Amino acid sequence: MASVAQWHASPRRGASMITDSGTGEVRVPLSLFHLDQHQGDVDLVLSRAEAAELQELLSVLTAGRPVSVAAAR
């Protein structure tokens, strides 16, 4: 069995995130890879709160501070 450390996910090329205004779900299309070999595609499904929390964490990790998506537009 392959080690989890050899797997990664990347945003699916040419695909856009989808939001459902009724449920608040955010779907992030991902491609899964084992080493560098494509293994399949999945959607990461997040609640609105989970998506906001992930966005804040990623902005801290990349920019060193929280960045509002609404303010960036």
N, C-alpha and C. Protein backbone atom coordinates (compact mmCIF):
# COMPACT_ATOMS: atom_id res chain seq x y z
N MET A 1 0.84 -1.19 0.00
CA MET A 1 0.00 0.00 0.00
C MET A 1 0.88 1.25 0.00
N ALA A 2 0.46 2.25 -0.73
CA ALA A 2 1.23 3.49 -0.85
C ALA A 2 1.12 4.32 0.42
N SER A 3 2.20 4.98 0.77
CA SER A 3 2.20 5.88 1.91
C SER A 3 1.38 7.13 1.58
N VAL A 4 0.64 7.62 2.55
CA VAL A 4 -0.14 8.84 2.36
C VAL A 4 0.77 10.01 2.00
N ALA A 5 2.00 9.97 2.48
CA ALA A 5 2.95 11.05 2.19
C ALA A 5 3.24 11.17 0.69
N GLN A 6 2.97 10.13 -0.06
CA GLN A 6 3.23 10.16 -1.50
C GLN A 6 2.03 10.67 -2.31
N TRP A 7 0.95 11.00 -1.64
CA TRP A 7 -0.26 11.49 -2.29
C TRP A 7 -0.38 13.00 -2.12
N HIS A 8 -0.96 13.66 -3.11
CA HIS A 8 -1.29 15.07 -2.97
C HIS A 8 -2.49 15.41 -3.85
N ALA A 9 -3.09 16.53 -3.55
CA ALA A 9 -4.23 17.03 -4.33
C ALA A 9 -3.89 18.42 -4.83
N SER A 10 -4.35 18.71 -6.03
CA SER A 10 -4.17 20.03 -6.63
C SER A 10 -5.50 20.49 -7.19
N PRO A 11 -5.70 21.80 -7.27
CA PRO A 11 -6.93 22.27 -7.92
C PRO A 11 -7.02 21.70 -9.33
N ARG A 12 -8.20 21.26 -9.72
CA ARG A 12 -8.40 20.67 -11.04
C ARG A 12 -8.28 21.76 -12.11
N ARG A 13 -7.43 21.55 -13.08
CA ARG A 13 -7.22 22.54 -14.15
C ARG A 13 -8.51 22.80 -14.92
N GLY A 14 -8.74 24.07 -15.15
CA GLY A 14 -9.89 24.47 -15.94
C GLY A 14 -11.22 24.41 -15.20
N ALA A 15 -11.21 24.00 -13.94
CA ALA A 15 -12.46 23.90 -13.17
C ALA A 15 -12.55 25.06 -12.19
N SER A 16 -13.75 25.47 -11.90
CA SER A 16 -13.99 26.56 -10.96
C SER A 16 -14.70 26.05 -9.72
N MET A 17 -14.48 26.73 -8.62
CA MET A 17 -15.22 26.41 -7.41
C MET A 17 -16.68 26.75 -7.64
N ILE A 18 -17.54 25.99 -6.97
CA ILE A 18 -18.97 26.18 -7.11
C ILE A 18 -19.55 26.41 -5.72
N THR A 19 -20.44 27.40 -5.61
CA THR A 19 -21.13 27.62 -4.35
C THR A 19 -22.62 27.36 -4.55
N ASP A 20 -23.25 26.83 -3.53
CA ASP A 20 -24.68 26.58 -3.54
C ASP A 20 -25.31 27.59 -2.58
N SER A 21 -26.02 28.55 -3.12
CA SER A 21 -26.58 29.61 -2.28
C SER A 21 -27.65 29.07 -1.32
N GLY A 22 -28.26 27.96 -1.66
CA GLY A 22 -29.28 27.38 -0.80
C GLY A 22 -28.70 26.70 0.43
N THR A 23 -27.67 25.89 0.25
CA THR A 23 -27.08 25.14 1.37
C THR A 23 -25.86 25.83 1.95
N GLY A 24 -25.23 26.72 1.17
CA GLY A 24 -24.01 27.36 1.62
C GLY A 24 -22.77 26.53 1.34
N GLU A 25 -22.94 25.35 0.72
CA GLU A 25 -21.79 24.51 0.42
C GLU A 25 -20.88 25.16 -0.61
N VAL A 26 -19.60 24.91 -0.45
CA VAL A 26 -18.60 25.32 -1.42
C VAL A 26 -17.92 24.05 -1.91
N ARG A 27 -17.90 23.84 -3.22
CA ARG A 27 -17.26 22.66 -3.81
C ARG A 27 -15.99 23.09 -4.53
N VAL A 28 -14.88 22.47 -4.13
CA VAL A 28 -13.58 22.77 -4.71
C VAL A 28 -13.16 21.55 -5.52
N PRO A 29 -13.12 21.65 -6.86
CA PRO A 29 -12.72 20.51 -7.68
C PRO A 29 -11.21 20.26 -7.55
N LEU A 30 -10.86 19.02 -7.21
CA LEU A 30 -9.45 18.64 -7.02
C LEU A 30 -9.08 17.46 -7.90
N SER A 31 -7.83 17.39 -8.26
CA SER A 31 -7.24 16.22 -8.90
C SER A 31 -6.32 15.56 -7.89
N LEU A 32 -6.41 14.24 -7.77
CA LEU A 32 -5.58 13.49 -6.84
C LEU A 32 -4.42 12.84 -7.58
N PHE A 33 -3.25 12.89 -6.93
CA PHE A 33 -2.04 12.33 -7.54
C PHE A 33 -1.32 11.43 -6.54
N HIS A 34 -0.78 10.33 -7.02
CA HIS A 34 0.15 9.50 -6.26
C HIS A 34 1.49 9.76 -6.91
N LEU A 35 2.40 10.34 -6.14
CA LEU A 35 3.63 10.90 -6.69
C LEU A 35 3.20 11.90 -7.75
N ASP A 36 3.52 11.73 -8.99
CA ASP A 36 3.07 12.67 -10.02
C ASP A 36 2.14 12.01 -11.03
N GLN A 37 1.50 10.91 -10.65
CA GLN A 37 0.59 10.21 -11.56
C GLN A 37 -0.86 10.48 -11.14
N HIS A 38 -1.61 11.01 -12.09
CA HIS A 38 -3.02 11.34 -11.83
C HIS A 38 -3.79 10.07 -11.47
N GLN A 39 -4.53 10.13 -10.37
CA GLN A 39 -5.29 8.97 -9.90
C GLN A 39 -6.80 9.17 -10.01
N GLY A 40 -7.24 10.40 -10.16
CA GLY A 40 -8.67 10.66 -10.27
C GLY A 40 -9.01 12.05 -9.80
N ASP A 41 -10.28 12.36 -9.91
CA ASP A 41 -10.78 13.69 -9.54
C ASP A 41 -11.85 13.55 -8.45
N VAL A 42 -11.86 14.48 -7.54
CA VAL A 42 -12.87 14.53 -6.47
C VAL A 42 -13.22 15.99 -6.21
N ASP A 43 -14.33 16.18 -5.51
CA ASP A 43 -14.70 17.51 -5.05
C ASP A 43 -14.52 17.56 -3.54
N LEU A 44 -13.84 18.59 -3.06
CA LEU A 44 -13.77 18.87 -1.63
C LEU A 44 -15.01 19.70 -1.33
N VAL A 45 -15.89 19.19 -0.46
CA VAL A 45 -17.14 19.88 -0.15
C VAL A 45 -17.02 20.45 1.26
N LEU A 46 -17.18 21.77 1.35
CA LEU A 46 -17.06 22.49 2.62
C LEU A 46 -18.33 23.26 2.91
N SER A 47 -18.65 23.40 4.19
CA SER A 47 -19.73 24.31 4.57
C SER A 47 -19.21 25.74 4.38
N ARG A 48 -20.11 26.69 4.41
CA ARG A 48 -19.69 28.09 4.26
C ARG A 48 -18.69 28.47 5.36
N ALA A 49 -18.96 28.03 6.59
CA ALA A 49 -18.06 28.34 7.72
C ALA A 49 -16.70 27.67 7.54
N GLU A 50 -16.69 26.42 7.09
CA GLU A 50 -15.42 25.72 6.86
C GLU A 50 -14.62 26.39 5.75
N ALA A 51 -15.29 26.82 4.69
CA ALA A 51 -14.60 27.50 3.58
C ALA A 51 -13.99 28.81 4.05
N ALA A 52 -14.72 29.57 4.87
CA ALA A 52 -14.20 30.83 5.40
C ALA A 52 -13.00 30.58 6.30
N GLU A 53 -13.08 29.55 7.14
CA GLU A 53 -11.97 29.23 8.04
C GLU A 53 -10.74 28.79 7.24
N LEU A 54 -10.94 27.98 6.21
CA LEU A 54 -9.82 27.54 5.37
C LEU A 54 -9.20 28.72 4.64
N GLN A 55 -10.03 29.62 4.11
CA GLN A 55 -9.52 30.80 3.42
C GLN A 55 -8.69 31.66 4.35
N GLU A 56 -9.15 31.83 5.59
CA GLU A 56 -8.40 32.64 6.55
C GLU A 56 -7.06 31.99 6.90
N LEU A 57 -7.08 30.68 7.12
CA LEU A 57 -5.84 29.97 7.44
C LEU A 57 -4.85 30.04 6.28
N LEU A 58 -5.33 29.83 5.07
CA LEU A 58 -4.44 29.91 3.90
C LEU A 58 -3.87 31.31 3.72
N SER A 59 -4.68 32.34 3.98
CA SER A 59 -4.17 33.70 3.82
C SER A 59 -3.10 34.00 4.87
N VAL A 60 -3.26 33.47 6.08
CA VAL A 60 -2.22 33.66 7.10
C VAL A 60 -0.94 32.94 6.68
N LEU A 61 -1.09 31.72 6.16
CA LEU A 61 0.09 30.96 5.75
C LEU A 61 0.81 31.57 4.54
N THR A 62 0.05 32.17 3.62
CA THR A 62 0.67 32.72 2.41
C THR A 62 1.04 34.19 2.53
N ALA A 63 0.22 34.97 3.22
CA ALA A 63 0.46 36.42 3.30
C ALA A 63 0.96 36.85 4.68
N GLY A 64 0.91 35.93 5.64
CA GLY A 64 1.33 36.28 6.98
C GLY A 64 0.29 37.03 7.78
N ARG A 65 -0.90 37.19 7.21
CA ARG A 65 -1.98 37.89 7.91
C ARG A 65 -3.29 37.50 7.25
N PRO A 66 -4.40 37.62 7.99
CA PRO A 66 -5.70 37.34 7.38
C PRO A 66 -6.00 38.32 6.23
N VAL A 67 -6.53 37.82 5.15
CA VAL A 67 -6.90 38.65 4.00
C VAL A 67 -8.34 38.32 3.65
N SER A 68 -9.19 39.31 3.60
CA SER A 68 -10.59 39.11 3.27
C SER A 68 -10.74 38.94 1.76
N VAL A 69 -11.45 37.90 1.35
CA VAL A 69 -11.71 37.69 -0.08
C VAL A 69 -12.53 38.84 -0.61
N ALA A 70 -13.52 39.29 0.15
CA ALA A 70 -14.38 40.40 -0.30
C ALA A 70 -13.57 41.68 -0.49
N ALA A 71 -12.60 41.92 0.39
CA ALA A 71 -11.79 43.13 0.28
C ALA A 71 -10.83 43.05 -0.90
N ALA A 72 -10.48 41.86 -1.34
CA ALA A 72 -9.52 41.70 -2.43
C ALA A 72 -10.17 41.92 -3.79
N ARG A 73 -11.48 41.94 -3.85
CA ARG A 73 -12.17 42.11 -5.14
C ARG A 73 -12.26 43.52 -5.56
